[in-house]
Amino acid sequence: MSCGEPHETDCSEVLSEVWLYLDHECDERRKELLQTHLDECHPCLEQYGLEEHLKALLAKKCGGEHAPEDLKRRLRARIHEVTDEAEVVVEVEAEVEVRTAD
C-alpha cells in the first residue's frame, strides 16, 4: 500500500510494523518515525486505527484466558529440545545457518 505521497518511511514499511508500534515493541527512534508517518499519512492512519480496534477487541474477548500449565510445560520442553539439537554456524559474511541434528 502506498498513498502516493513521499515520506521518510514507506507506507508498506509502516504497515508491516504497525503491531510492533501498537505493542510498544519498537525502540524510541523507530516509534518516532512511525508516529511521524501516521501523522502525515491518512490512509496509514486509517489502517492503524483498524488494527488498534482489532487489538482492543482481541484483548476484550480473549484477555482472560490462559494456556493450561501442562501445555506450557510441554512447549517449553520442546523448545529446549529443538534449541539443544540446533547447531549455529556463523560465517565470515555474518550469515547464520541453523542445522538440526538428524
PDB file of N, CA and C in Angstrom:
ATOM      1  N   MET A   1       0.837  -1.174   0.000  1.00  0.00           N
ATOM      2  CA  MET A   1       0.000   0.000   0.000  1.00  0.00           C
ATOM      3  C   MET A   1       0.880   1.233   0.000  1.00  0.00           C
ATOM      4  N   SER A   2       0.465   2.219  -0.705  1.00  0.00           N
ATOM      5  CA  SER A   2       1.149   3.496  -0.710  1.00  0.00           C
ATOM      6  C   SER A   2       0.122   4.581  -0.993  1.00  0.00           C
ATOM      7  N   CYS A   3       0.271   5.699  -0.303  1.00  0.00           N
ATOM      8  CA  CYS A   3      -0.672   6.803  -0.514  1.00  0.00           C
ATOM      9  C   CYS A   3      -0.240   7.666  -1.688  1.00  0.00           C
ATOM     10  N   GLY A   4       0.942   7.418  -2.232  1.00  0.00           N
ATOM     11  CA  GLY A   4       1.432   8.180  -3.364  1.00  0.00           C
ATOM     12  C   GLY A   4       2.216   9.420  -2.973  1.00  0.00           C
ATOM     13  N   GLU A   5       2.249   9.732  -1.702  1.00  0.00           N
ATOM     14  CA  GLU A   5       2.992  10.892  -1.214  1.00  0.00           C
ATOM     15  C   GLU A   5       4.375  10.447  -0.740  1.00  0.00           C
ATOM     16  N   PRO A   6       5.377  11.306  -0.919  1.00  0.00           N
ATOM     17  CA  PRO A   6       6.714  10.944  -0.424  1.00  0.00           C
ATOM     18  C   PRO A   6       6.786  11.071   1.099  1.00  0.00           C
ATOM     19  N   HIS A   7       7.321  10.048   1.737  1.00  0.00           N
ATOM     20  CA  HIS A   7       7.502  10.044   3.190  1.00  0.00           C
ATOM     21  C   HIS A   7       8.901   9.530   3.490  1.00  0.00           C
ATOM     22  N   GLU A   8       9.412   9.906   4.646  1.00  0.00           N
ATOM     23  CA  GLU A   8      10.718   9.391   5.072  1.00  0.00           C
ATOM     24  C   GLU A   8      10.657   7.872   5.227  1.00  0.00           C
ATOM     25  N   THR A   9       9.535   7.372   5.717  1.00  0.00           N
ATOM     26  CA  THR A   9       9.333   5.939   5.896  1.00  0.00           C
ATOM     27  C   THR A   9       8.212   5.506   4.962  1.00  0.00           C
ATOM     28  N   ASP A  10       8.446   4.475   4.164  1.00  0.00           N
ATOM     29  CA  ASP A  10       7.486   3.991   3.186  1.00  0.00           C
ATOM     30  C   ASP A  10       6.232   3.435   3.868  1.00  0.00           C
ATOM     31  N   CYS A  11       5.082   3.647   3.225  1.00  0.00           N
ATOM     32  CA  CYS A  11       3.801   3.175   3.770  1.00  0.00           C
ATOM     33  C   CYS A  11       3.821   1.675   4.069  1.00  0.00           C
ATOM     34  N   SER A  12       4.310   0.872   3.146  1.00  0.00           N
ATOM     35  CA  SER A  12       4.313  -0.579   3.358  1.00  0.00           C
ATOM     36  C   SER A  12       5.180  -0.964   4.552  1.00  0.00           C
ATOM     37  N   GLU A  13       6.255  -0.232   4.757  1.00  0.00           N
ATOM     38  CA  GLU A  13       7.136  -0.485   5.899  1.00  0.00           C
ATOM     39  C   GLU A  13       6.412  -0.156   7.210  1.00  0.00           C
ATOM     40  N   VAL A  14       5.699   0.950   7.212  1.00  0.00           N
ATOM     41  CA  VAL A  14       4.956   1.363   8.405  1.00  0.00           C
ATOM     42  C   VAL A  14       3.880   0.331   8.729  1.00  0.00           C
ATOM     43  N   LEU A  15       3.133  -0.080   7.720  1.00  0.00           N
ATOM     44  CA  LEU A  15       2.052  -1.028   7.964  1.00  0.00           C
ATOM     45  C   LEU A  15       2.567  -2.401   8.379  1.00  0.00           C
ATOM     46  N   SER A  16       3.752  -2.764   7.916  1.00  0.00           N
ATOM     47  CA  SER A  16       4.306  -4.057   8.328  1.00  0.00           C
ATOM     48  C   SER A  16       4.768  -4.028   9.786  1.00  0.00           C
ATOM     49  N   GLU A  17       4.967  -2.825  10.339  1.00  0.00           N
ATOM     50  CA  GLU A  17       5.432  -2.692  11.715  1.00  0.00           C
ATOM     51  C   GLU A  17       4.369  -2.137  12.658  1.00  0.00           C
ATOM     52  N   VAL A  18       3.141  -2.028  12.185  1.00  0.00           N
ATOM     53  CA  VAL A  18       2.108  -1.399  12.996  1.00  0.00           C
ATOM     54  C   VAL A  18       1.852  -2.166  14.296  1.00  0.00           C
ATOM     55  N   TRP A  19       1.956  -3.485  14.292  1.00  0.00           N
ATOM     56  CA  TRP A  19       1.731  -4.252  15.521  1.00  0.00           C
ATOM     57  C   TRP A  19       2.879  -4.054  16.505  1.00  0.00           C
ATOM     58  N   LEU A  20       4.100  -3.902  16.003  1.00  0.00           N
ATOM     59  CA  LEU A  20       5.215  -3.591  16.900  1.00  0.00           C
ATOM     60  C   LEU A  20       4.960  -2.253  17.594  1.00  0.00           C
ATOM     61  N   TYR A  21       4.454  -1.302  16.827  1.00  0.00           N
ATOM     62  CA  TYR A  21       4.130   0.020  17.367  1.00  0.00           C
ATOM     63  C   TYR A  21       3.008  -0.087  18.399  1.00  0.00           C
ATOM     64  N   LEU A  22       1.949  -0.815  18.056  1.00  0.00           N
ATOM     65  CA  LEU A  22       0.821  -0.978  18.972  1.00  0.00           C
ATOM     66  C   LEU A  22       1.232  -1.662  20.273  1.00  0.00           C
ATOM     67  N   ASP A  23       2.154  -2.613  20.178  1.00  0.00           N
ATOM     68  CA  ASP A  23       2.582  -3.381  21.347  1.00  0.00           C
ATOM     69  C   ASP A  23       3.752  -2.732  22.083  1.00  0.00           C
ATOM     70  N   HIS A  24       4.156  -1.540  21.640  1.00  0.00           N
ATOM     71  CA  HIS A  24       5.279  -0.809  22.254  1.00  0.00           C
ATOM     72  C   HIS A  24       6.554  -1.644  22.240  1.00  0.00           C
ATOM     73  N   GLU A  25       6.808  -2.313  21.118  1.00  0.00           N
ATOM     74  CA  GLU A  25       7.968  -3.188  20.993  1.00  0.00           C
ATOM     75  C   GLU A  25       9.046  -2.632  20.064  1.00  0.00           C
ATOM     76  N   CYS A  26       8.937  -1.379  19.666  1.00  0.00           N
ATOM     77  CA  CYS A  26       9.986  -0.799  18.832  1.00  0.00           C
ATOM     78  C   CYS A  26      10.743   0.243  19.658  1.00  0.00           C
ATOM     79  N   ASP A  27      11.983   0.482  19.260  1.00  0.00           N
ATOM     80  CA  ASP A  27      12.783   1.444  20.010  1.00  0.00           C
ATOM     81  C   ASP A  27      12.249   2.870  19.806  1.00  0.00           C
ATOM     82  N   GLU A  28      12.741   3.796  20.596  1.00  0.00           N
ATOM     83  CA  GLU A  28      12.217   5.165  20.593  1.00  0.00           C
ATOM     84  C   GLU A  28      12.364   5.839  19.234  1.00  0.00           C
ATOM     85  N   ARG A  29      13.497   5.637  18.563  1.00  0.00           N
ATOM     86  CA  ARG A  29      13.722   6.251  17.249  1.00  0.00           C
ATOM     87  C   ARG A  29      12.712   5.734  16.228  1.00  0.00           C
ATOM     88  N   ARG A  30      12.506   4.407  16.228  1.00  0.00           N
ATOM     89  CA  ARG A  30      11.556   3.804  15.279  1.00  0.00           C
ATOM     90  C   ARG A  30      10.140   4.258  15.592  1.00  0.00           C
ATOM     91  N   LYS A  31       9.813   4.341  16.861  1.00  0.00           N
ATOM     92  CA  LYS A  31       8.489   4.798  17.284  1.00  0.00           C
ATOM     93  C   LYS A  31       8.224   6.203  16.751  1.00  0.00           C
ATOM     94  N   GLU A  32       9.212   7.087  16.856  1.00  0.00           N
ATOM     95  CA  GLU A  32       9.055   8.459  16.371  1.00  0.00           C
ATOM     96  C   GLU A  32       8.860   8.499  14.855  1.00  0.00           C
ATOM     97  N   LEU A  33       9.616   7.678  14.113  1.00  0.00           N
ATOM     98  CA  LEU A  33       9.461   7.623  12.651  1.00  0.00           C
ATOM     99  C   LEU A  33       8.064   7.153  12.266  1.00  0.00           C
ATOM    100  N   LEU A  34       7.593   6.107  12.937  1.00  0.00           N
ATOM    101  CA  LEU A  34       6.265   5.571  12.642  1.00  0.00           C
ATOM    102  C   LEU A  34       5.179   6.589  13.003  1.00  0.00           C
ATOM    103  N   GLN A  35       5.320   7.251  14.144  1.00  0.00           N
ATOM    104  CA  GLN A  35       4.338   8.245  14.566  1.00  0.00           C
ATOM    105  C   GLN A  35       4.304   9.415  13.588  1.00  0.00           C
ATOM    106  N   THR A  36       5.469   9.871  13.133  1.00  0.00           N
ATOM    107  CA  THR A  36       5.530  10.963  12.161  1.00  0.00           C
ATOM    108  C   THR A  36       4.803  10.570  10.887  1.00  0.00           C
ATOM    109  N   HIS A  37       5.043   9.351  10.425  1.00  0.00           N
ATOM    110  CA  HIS A  37       4.386   8.883   9.207  1.00  0.00           C
ATOM    111  C   HIS A  37       2.871   8.850   9.407  1.00  0.00           C
ATOM    112  N   LEU A  38       2.428   8.303  10.531  1.00  0.00           N
ATOM    113  CA  LEU A  38       0.990   8.215  10.794  1.00  0.00           C
ATOM    114  C   LEU A  38       0.357   9.602  10.879  1.00  0.00           C
ATOM    115  N   ASP A  39       1.092  10.563  11.413  1.00  0.00           N
ATOM    116  CA  ASP A  39       0.586  11.937  11.487  1.00  0.00           C
ATOM    117  C   ASP A  39       0.433  12.557  10.100  1.00  0.00           C
ATOM    118  N   GLU A  40       1.256  12.132   9.148  1.00  0.00           N
ATOM    119  CA  GLU A  40       1.273  12.711   7.802  1.00  0.00           C
ATOM    120  C   GLU A  40       0.409  11.959   6.792  1.00  0.00           C
ATOM    121  N   CYS A  41       0.115  10.694   7.057  1.00  0.00           N
ATOM    122  CA  CYS A  41      -0.480   9.824   6.038  1.00  0.00           C
ATOM    123  C   CYS A  41      -1.852   9.302   6.484  1.00  0.00           C
ATOM    124  N   HIS A  42      -2.889   9.873   5.920  1.00  0.00           N
ATOM    125  CA  HIS A  42      -4.253   9.498   6.305  1.00  0.00           C
ATOM    126  C   HIS A  42      -4.577   8.024   6.042  1.00  0.00           C
ATOM    127  N   PRO A  43      -4.229   7.441   4.867  1.00  0.00           N
ATOM    128  CA  PRO A  43      -4.542   6.024   4.642  1.00  0.00           C
ATOM    129  C   PRO A  43      -3.873   5.102   5.671  1.00  0.00           C
ATOM    130  N   CYS A  44      -2.631   5.392   6.024  1.00  0.00           N
ATOM    131  CA  CYS A  44      -1.941   4.560   7.022  1.00  0.00           C
ATOM    132  C   CYS A  44      -2.553   4.754   8.403  1.00  0.00           C
ATOM    133  N   LEU A  45      -2.960   5.984   8.717  1.00  0.00           N
ATOM    134  CA  LEU A  45      -3.602   6.253   9.995  1.00  0.00           C
ATOM    135  C   LEU A  45      -4.923   5.498  10.092  1.00  0.00           C
ATOM    136  N   GLU A  46      -5.670   5.435   9.002  1.00  0.00           N
ATOM    137  CA  GLU A  46      -6.918   4.661   8.994  1.00  0.00           C
ATOM    138  C   GLU A  46      -6.645   3.182   9.247  1.00  0.00           C
ATOM    139  N   GLN A  47      -5.637   2.640   8.575  1.00  0.00           N
ATOM    140  CA  GLN A  47      -5.281   1.235   8.763  1.00  0.00           C
ATOM    141  C   GLN A  47      -4.821   0.992  10.197  1.00  0.00           C
ATOM    142  N   TYR A  48      -4.031   1.910  10.716  1.00  0.00           N
ATOM    143  CA  TYR A  48      -3.587   1.829  12.112  1.00  0.00           C
ATOM    144  C   TYR A  48      -4.800   1.786  13.045  1.00  0.00           C
ATOM    145  N   GLY A  49      -5.790   2.637  12.771  1.00  0.00           N
ATOM    146  CA  GLY A  49      -6.996   2.670  13.590  1.00  0.00           C
ATOM    147  C   GLY A  49      -7.734   1.342  13.581  1.00  0.00           C
ATOM    148  N   LEU A  50      -7.798   0.704  12.415  1.00  0.00           N
ATOM    149  CA  LEU A  50      -8.435  -0.620  12.321  1.00  0.00           C
ATOM    150  C   LEU A  50      -7.669  -1.649  13.156  1.00  0.00           C
ATOM    151  N   GLU A  51      -6.354  -1.626  13.044  1.00  0.00           N
ATOM    152  CA  GLU A  51      -5.523  -2.572  13.798  1.00  0.00           C
ATOM    153  C   GLU A  51      -5.639  -2.315  15.301  1.00  0.00           C
ATOM    154  N   GLU A  52      -5.713  -1.035  15.676  1.00  0.00           N
ATOM    155  CA  GLU A  52      -5.857  -0.664  17.088  1.00  0.00           C
ATOM    156  C   GLU A  52      -7.187  -1.187  17.633  1.00  0.00           C
ATOM    157  N   HIS A  53      -8.259  -1.047  16.853  1.00  0.00           N
ATOM    158  CA  HIS A  53      -9.572  -1.560  17.271  1.00  0.00           C
ATOM    159  C   HIS A  53      -9.553  -3.086  17.369  1.00  0.00           C
ATOM    160  N   LEU A  54      -8.896  -3.733  16.416  1.00  0.00           N
ATOM    161  CA  LEU A  54      -8.786  -5.187  16.448  1.00  0.00           C
ATOM    162  C   LEU A  54      -8.048  -5.645  17.699  1.00  0.00           C
ATOM    163  N   LYS A  55      -6.956  -4.973  18.026  1.00  0.00           N
ATOM    164  CA  LYS A  55      -6.195  -5.325  19.230  1.00  0.00           C
ATOM    165  C   LYS A  55      -7.070  -5.174  20.473  1.00  0.00           C
ATOM    166  N   ALA A  56      -7.819  -4.087  20.556  1.00  0.00           N
ATOM    167  CA  ALA A  56      -8.695  -3.860  21.705  1.00  0.00           C
ATOM    168  C   ALA A  56      -9.771  -4.941  21.795  1.00  0.00           C
ATOM    169  N   LEU A  57     -10.346  -5.295  20.654  1.00  0.00           N
ATOM    170  CA  LEU A  57     -11.370  -6.341  20.621  1.00  0.00           C
ATOM    171  C   LEU A  57     -10.800  -7.683  21.064  1.00  0.00           C
ATOM    172  N   LEU A  58      -9.619  -8.019  20.561  1.00  0.00           N
ATOM    173  CA  LEU A  58      -8.972  -9.273  20.962  1.00  0.00           C
ATOM    174  C   LEU A  58      -8.688  -9.292  22.458  1.00  0.00           C
ATOM    175  N   ALA A  59      -8.207  -8.181  22.995  1.00  0.00           N
ATOM    176  CA  ALA A  59      -7.919  -8.101  24.429  1.00  0.00           C
ATOM    177  C   ALA A  59      -9.191  -8.275  25.245  1.00  0.00           C
ATOM    178  N   LYS A  60     -10.278  -7.673  24.768  1.00  0.00           N
ATOM    179  CA  LYS A  60     -11.551  -7.754  25.476  1.00  0.00           C
ATOM    180  C   LYS A  60     -12.116  -9.175  25.452  1.00  0.00           C
ATOM    181  N   LYS A  61     -12.056  -9.816  24.278  1.00  0.00           N
ATOM    182  CA  LYS A  61     -12.677 -11.130  24.117  1.00  0.00           C
ATOM    183  C   LYS A  61     -11.784 -12.291  24.546  1.00  0.00           C
ATOM    184  N   CYS A  62     -10.471 -12.109  24.474  1.00  0.00           N
ATOM    185  CA  CYS A  62      -9.551 -13.226  24.734  1.00  0.00           C
ATOM    186  C   CYS A  62      -8.589 -12.955  25.886  1.00  0.00           C
ATOM    187  N   GLY A  63      -8.687 -11.807  26.501  1.00  0.00           N
ATOM    188  CA  GLY A  63      -7.711 -11.396  27.503  1.00  0.00           C
ATOM    189  C   GLY A  63      -7.683 -12.219  28.767  1.00  0.00           C
ATOM    190  N   GLY A  64      -8.773 -12.847  29.147  1.00  0.00           N
ATOM    191  CA  GLY A  64      -8.819 -13.561  30.415  1.00  0.00           C
ATOM    192  C   GLY A  64      -8.412 -15.020  30.350  1.00  0.00           C
ATOM    193  N   GLU A  65      -8.251 -15.556  29.157  1.00  0.00           N
ATOM    194  CA  GLU A  65      -7.946 -16.971  29.038  1.00  0.00           C
ATOM    195  C   GLU A  65      -6.436 -17.207  29.096  1.00  0.00           C
ATOM    196  N   HIS A  66      -6.043 -18.286  29.766  1.00  0.00           N
ATOM    197  CA  HIS A  66      -4.639 -18.645  29.875  1.00  0.00           C
ATOM    198  C   HIS A  66      -4.460 -20.081  29.396  1.00  0.00           C
ATOM    199  N   ALA A  67      -3.303 -20.342  28.829  1.00  0.00           N
ATOM    200  CA  ALA A  67      -2.996 -21.702  28.377  1.00  0.00           C
ATOM    201  C   ALA A  67      -2.841 -22.614  29.594  1.00  0.00           C
ATOM    202  N   PRO A  68      -3.277 -23.863  29.476  1.00  0.00           N
ATOM    203  CA  PRO A  68      -3.112 -24.809  30.583  1.00  0.00           C
ATOM    204  C   PRO A  68      -1.623 -25.001  30.913  1.00  0.00           C
ATOM    205  N   GLU A  69      -1.327 -25.195  32.196  1.00  0.00           N
ATOM    206  CA  GLU A  69       0.065 -25.358  32.644  1.00  0.00           C
ATOM    207  C   GLU A  69       0.752 -26.528  31.940  1.00  0.00           C
ATOM    208  N   ASP A  70       0.025 -27.616  31.693  1.00  0.00           N
ATOM    209  CA  ASP A  70       0.612 -28.776  31.025  1.00  0.00           C
ATOM    210  C   ASP A  70       1.068 -28.416  29.610  1.00  0.00           C
ATOM    211  N   LEU A  71       0.272 -27.637  28.904  1.00  0.00           N
ATOM    212  CA  LEU A  71       0.634 -27.200  27.566  1.00  0.00           C
ATOM    213  C   LEU A  71       1.883 -26.326  27.615  1.00  0.00           C
ATOM    214  N   LYS A  72       1.944 -25.390  28.537  1.00  0.00           N
ATOM    215  CA  LYS A  72       3.123 -24.526  28.685  1.00  0.00           C
ATOM    216  C   LYS A  72       4.366 -25.363  28.959  1.00  0.00           C
ATOM    217  N   ARG A  73       4.248 -26.345  29.854  1.00  0.00           N
ATOM    218  CA  ARG A  73       5.379 -27.205  30.202  1.00  0.00           C
ATOM    219  C   ARG A  73       5.868 -27.990  28.984  1.00  0.00           C
ATOM    220  N   ARG A  74       4.936 -28.552  28.214  1.00  0.00           N
ATOM    221  CA  ARG A  74       5.311 -29.317  27.019  1.00  0.00           C
ATOM    222  C   ARG A  74       5.960 -28.425  25.962  1.00  0.00           C
ATOM    223  N   LEU A  75       5.427 -27.216  25.778  1.00  0.00           N
ATOM    224  CA  LEU A  75       6.021 -26.281  24.812  1.00  0.00           C
ATOM    225  C   LEU A  75       7.439 -25.887  25.215  1.00  0.00           C
ATOM    226  N   ARG A  76       7.630 -25.567  26.497  1.00  0.00           N
ATOM    227  CA  ARG A  76       8.975 -25.222  26.970  1.00  0.00           C
ATOM    228  C   ARG A  76       9.941 -26.376  26.747  1.00  0.00           C
ATOM    229  N   ALA A  77       9.496 -27.590  27.064  1.00  0.00           N
ATOM    230  CA  ALA A  77      10.352 -28.758  26.894  1.00  0.00           C
ATOM    231  C   ALA A  77      10.718 -28.955  25.428  1.00  0.00           C
ATOM    232  N   ARG A  78       9.752 -28.791  24.552  1.00  0.00           N
ATOM    233  CA  ARG A  78      10.008 -28.963  23.110  1.00  0.00           C
ATOM    234  C   ARG A  78      10.946 -27.878  22.577  1.00  0.00           C
ATOM    235  N   ILE A  79      10.773 -26.653  23.036  1.00  0.00           N
ATOM    236  CA  ILE A  79      11.659 -25.564  22.618  1.00  0.00           C
ATOM    237  C   ILE A  79      13.090 -25.858  23.063  1.00  0.00           C
ATOM    238  N   HIS A  80      13.255 -26.302  24.312  1.00  0.00           N
ATOM    239  CA  HIS A  80      14.600 -26.650  24.796  1.00  0.00           C
ATOM    240  C   HIS A  80      15.188 -27.800  23.997  1.00  0.00           C
ATOM    241  N   GLU A  81      14.356 -28.774  23.672  1.00  0.00           N
ATOM    242  CA  GLU A  81      14.785 -29.918  22.873  1.00  0.00           C
ATOM    243  C   GLU A  81      15.320 -29.465  21.510  1.00  0.00           C
ATOM    244  N   VAL A  82      14.545 -28.638  20.835  1.00  0.00           N
ATOM    245  CA  VAL A  82      14.917 -28.171  19.498  1.00  0.00           C
ATOM    246  C   VAL A  82      16.157 -27.293  19.550  1.00  0.00           C
ATOM    247  N   THR A  83      16.233 -26.387  20.521  1.00  0.00           N
ATOM    248  CA  THR A  83      17.395 -25.499  20.591  1.00  0.00           C
ATOM    249  C   THR A  83      18.648 -26.253  21.001  1.00  0.00           C
ATOM    250  N   ASP A  84      18.515 -27.293  21.800  1.00  0.00           N
ATOM    251  CA  ASP A  84      19.682 -28.104  22.171  1.00  0.00           C
ATOM    252  C   ASP A  84      20.201 -28.898  20.979  1.00  0.00           C
ATOM    253  N   GLU A  85      19.303 -29.278  20.055  1.00  0.00           N
ATOM    254  CA  GLU A  85      19.685 -30.051  18.870  1.00  0.00           C
ATOM    255  C   GLU A  85      20.257 -29.172  17.766  1.00  0.00           C
ATOM    256  N   ALA A  86      19.944 -27.893  17.795  1.00  0.00           N
ATOM    257  CA  ALA A  86      20.353 -26.991  16.716  1.00  0.00           C
ATOM    258  C   ALA A  86      21.832 -26.651  16.829  1.00  0.00           C
ATOM    259  N   GLU A  87      22.461 -26.527  15.679  1.00  0.00           N
ATOM    260  CA  GLU A  87      23.854 -26.113  15.614  1.00  0.00           C
ATOM    261  C   GLU A  87      23.895 -24.803  14.828  1.00  0.00           C
ATOM    262  N   VAL A  88      24.444 -23.774  15.430  1.00  0.00           N
ATOM    263  CA  VAL A  88      24.516 -22.472  14.775  1.00  0.00           C
ATOM    264  C   VAL A  88      25.919 -22.292  14.227  1.00  0.00           C
ATOM    265  N   VAL A  89      25.994 -21.969  12.927  1.00  0.00           N
ATOM    266  CA  VAL A  89      27.275 -21.752  12.270  1.00  0.00           C
ATOM    267  C   VAL A  89      27.307 -20.301  11.789  1.00  0.00           C
ATOM    268  N   VAL A  90      28.311 -19.539  12.234  1.00  0.00           N
ATOM    269  CA  VAL A  90      28.457 -18.154  11.807  1.00  0.00           C
ATOM    270  C   VAL A  90      29.636 -18.087  10.856  1.00  0.00           C
ATOM    271  N   GLU A  91      29.380 -17.569   9.648  1.00  0.00           N
ATOM    272  CA  GLU A  91      30.427 -17.461   8.644  1.00  0.00           C
ATOM    273  C   GLU A  91      30.969 -16.046   8.616  1.00  0.00           C
ATOM    274  N   VAL A  92      32.046 -15.845   7.877  1.00  0.00           N
ATOM    275  CA  VAL A  92      32.720 -14.550   7.815  1.00  0.00           C
ATOM    276  C   VAL A  92      31.779 -13.435   7.382  1.00  0.00           C
ATOM    277  N   GLU A  93      30.887 -13.673   6.455  1.00  0.00           N
ATOM    278  CA  GLU A  93      29.960 -12.654   5.975  1.00  0.00           C
ATOM    279  C   GLU A  93      28.805 -12.437   6.930  1.00  0.00           C
ATOM    280  N   ALA A  94      28.868 -12.989   8.107  1.00  0.00           N
ATOM    281  CA  ALA A  94      27.859 -12.835   9.157  1.00  0.00           C
ATOM    282  C   ALA A  94      26.517 -13.456   8.779  1.00  0.00           C
ATOM    283  N   GLU A  95      26.527 -14.456   7.923  1.00  0.00           N
ATOM    284  CA  GLU A  95      25.302 -15.197   7.642  1.00  0.00           C
ATOM    285  C   GLU A  95      25.157 -16.270   8.714  1.00  0.00           C
ATOM    286  N   VAL A  96      23.953 -16.525   9.115  1.00  0.00           N
ATOM    287  CA  VAL A  96      23.696 -17.520  10.154  1.00  0.00           C
ATOM    288  C   VAL A  96      22.948 -18.681   9.536  1.00  0.00           C
ATOM    289  N   GLU A  97      23.413 -19.858   9.809  1.00  0.00           N
ATOM    290  CA  GLU A  97      22.764 -21.068   9.316  1.00  0.00           C
ATOM    291  C   GLU A  97      22.438 -21.931  10.517  1.00  0.00           C
ATOM    292  N   VAL A  98      21.220 -22.415  10.589  1.00  0.00           N
ATOM    293  CA  VAL A  98      20.812 -23.266  11.693  1.00  0.00           C
ATOM    294  C   VAL A  98      20.562 -24.652  11.133  1.00  0.00           C
ATOM    295  N   ARG A  99      21.222 -25.635  11.714  1.00  0.00           N
ATOM    296  CA  ARG A  99      21.039 -27.029  11.297  1.00  0.00           C
ATOM    297  C   ARG A  99      20.499 -27.822  12.474  1.00  0.00           C
ATOM    298  N   THR A 100      19.570 -28.722  12.206  1.00  0.00           N
ATOM    299  CA  THR A 100      19.088 -29.600  13.257  1.00  0.00           C
ATOM    300  C   THR A 100      19.799 -30.928  13.132  1.00  0.00           C
ATOM    301  N   ALA A 101      20.023 -31.567  14.257  1.00  0.00           N
ATOM    302  CA  ALA A 101      20.688 -32.872  14.254  1.00  0.00           C
ATOM    303  C   ALA A 101      19.697 -33.917  13.731  1.00  0.00           C
ATOM    304  N   ASP A 102      20.107 -34.677  12.762  1.00  0.00           N
ATOM    305  CA  ASP A 102      19.229 -35.723  12.184  1.00  0.00           C
ATOM    306  C   ASP A 102      19.706 -37.084  12.591  1.00  0.00           C
TER     307      ASP A 102
END
